[in-house]
Amino acid sequence: MLATSNAPSRPRPRTAVSPTLFRRLGLAALFLIGTGLRLINLTEPSMWHDEIWSVYISKLPLGESFAVMQAGDLQPPLFYLLLRAVIFVFGENIFFLRLLPLLLGMLALFPLYLTARTLAGERAAWAASILFTFSSLDIIFSQMVRMYTLLALTVLLSYYLFWQLMTASKPGWPLWAGYIGSTVAMLYSQNLAALYLTGQGLAWLLLFRSRPLFVRAVAAWALTLVMWLPYLTTFLQQAGGNTFFPKPGFLFLLDSYLAFGAADQAHNGQPFSLLPVAQPYLFLGLALLFWFGWRNLTERPRERLYLLIFWLLPLALCWLVSQFKPVYADRAFLASAFPFLIILGASFNKFGWPVSKSQQPRNIALLPGGLLVAALSVWSVISILGGNYVHNDLRGLAQDAGRQLNSAAGGEVRALLQFNGNAPALFDYYSPPGAPPNIQNFPPASEAQLNSAPGRVCAITSDATDLLDFPKAALQRFKTWLTAQPSQKLLWDKQYPEETLRLQCWEYSK
């Protein structure tokens, strides 16, 4: 005992951080960084058309809300129901309204990491997670009171759990419940989610074609579709409806949804330029990373094909449908960014440092692509968060219209006319007290009101006015009426951010 007690003590070995703890800490750090970035300027600018429409539908009594969705909307109810709960608790505070899609978007970080680690390896999972955290595309969509981040989250969960369901030897009930629940949520999030379900069908056909897996897949899809049946009639009605969205070119469609290289300049006549950077240079960087990522996944042929189907099949189907009828496609494909990011992340699977002679040619070619993507992505994020990306400023437009009309003399007619096909409730959301409600187009009642006395009239137009026949014809009737007045004076003429909205106000006499 004395010998033992007098023996010099040995230094205790350092306790290494376990891989599990390291993953949790790393993902938590990325979640906090990504959330912090998306919180910057969260309440600016004002909500735009579709955001106000989301709030409007979610505020209606439940029965009326479903009736409006069935008759006049293009989307399923899940996001509106979640937003209804937010409004019930926090009211119409724009911070909390936008916090919902922000958190839904950031939650995708965790299934993205799991999917990437399963399909492409640990290093690819970290690279894809970092790219996602700093994705300007996701930052923009996370600040919209719309269902796009919800769709992206549920699609990613559905694809990850479908792979697990097909590769597990004996899937337990939590896996079955997780896949069916996420897929049902996906179908109730956005109508183009059905295209992603077809991708899983093709994946089964090419990768999992065996009798036991066929029974497993059909059982999962059947249970999913049974839970989707209550909405199926509405889906078919909405899918058959016509919209005025233009046909995208195939190359344009691919470029529009490459996660970082998004440039949706065709939707609704609104030039959403999601990346205020030099696109050709960014595309070069992405192409280099994609090439190396694709080659590094050669050793995982099934996983690589699964990612390719997940990424491109819904885009190709959308393009095919768009050649026959207009399609509301643009923001639905935020989900297609995930497999693309995973392939980009795989480009670093064989990256080594310090550089050995065998790795030197690969690293010399890979580093410029990585530096281009990193530098231009940071530039894009800084530019966006600095206020260089804005939507239609409905708040400013409504306040300007209210000031022009409220300054009319007593007894004068005041009218606000809208010629762009949107619901009148959207332009009344930010109207100041005392401003007249806006009237869609130029109905006979409005013409009779304007003919009753001198006064002031304002007209709201947009790029969409030229795309739709009925507001274009109504605007022409209004201009004919205005020209026929004994005198008129233009008081206000302003284009609002992105130059998609225009407000003009006149003073006229009889």
Foldseek 3Di string as FASTA:
>chain_A
DVVVVPDDDDDDDDDDDDPVNVVVVLLVVLLVLLLVLLLQCLCPDDADFVLVVLVVLLPDPPVVSVVCCLPPNQAFCPLSPVLNVQCVVPNVDLSSLLQVLLVLLSVLLVLLLVLLCVLQNNQLSSQLSNCSSLQLVSSVRSSHSALLSVLLSLLSQLLSLLVVLLPDPDDDVVSLCSNLVSLLSNVRRGLLSVLLVVLSVVLCVVPRPDDVSVVSVVVSVVVSVVSVVVCVVSSVVSVPDADLFAQDDLVLLLQCQQRRSHFPCGGLNFGQGSFPFDNVLLVVLLVLLLVLLLVLCPVRVSSSVSLVSSQPRSSVVQNVVCVPGNDPDRSNRNNSNSSSSSSSSSSCVPPDPPDDPVCVVSCVSNVSSVVSNVVRSVVRSCCVSVPVGHDFNLLVVQDVLLVVQVPKDPPAQEAEEEQQPRDQVSSCPNHDPPHDGYDYFCDPVNVVSCVPWWGKYKYKAFSNNVSDDVSVVSVVVVVVSQVPAPDKDWDDWDQTPSSGMIMTMMTGGD
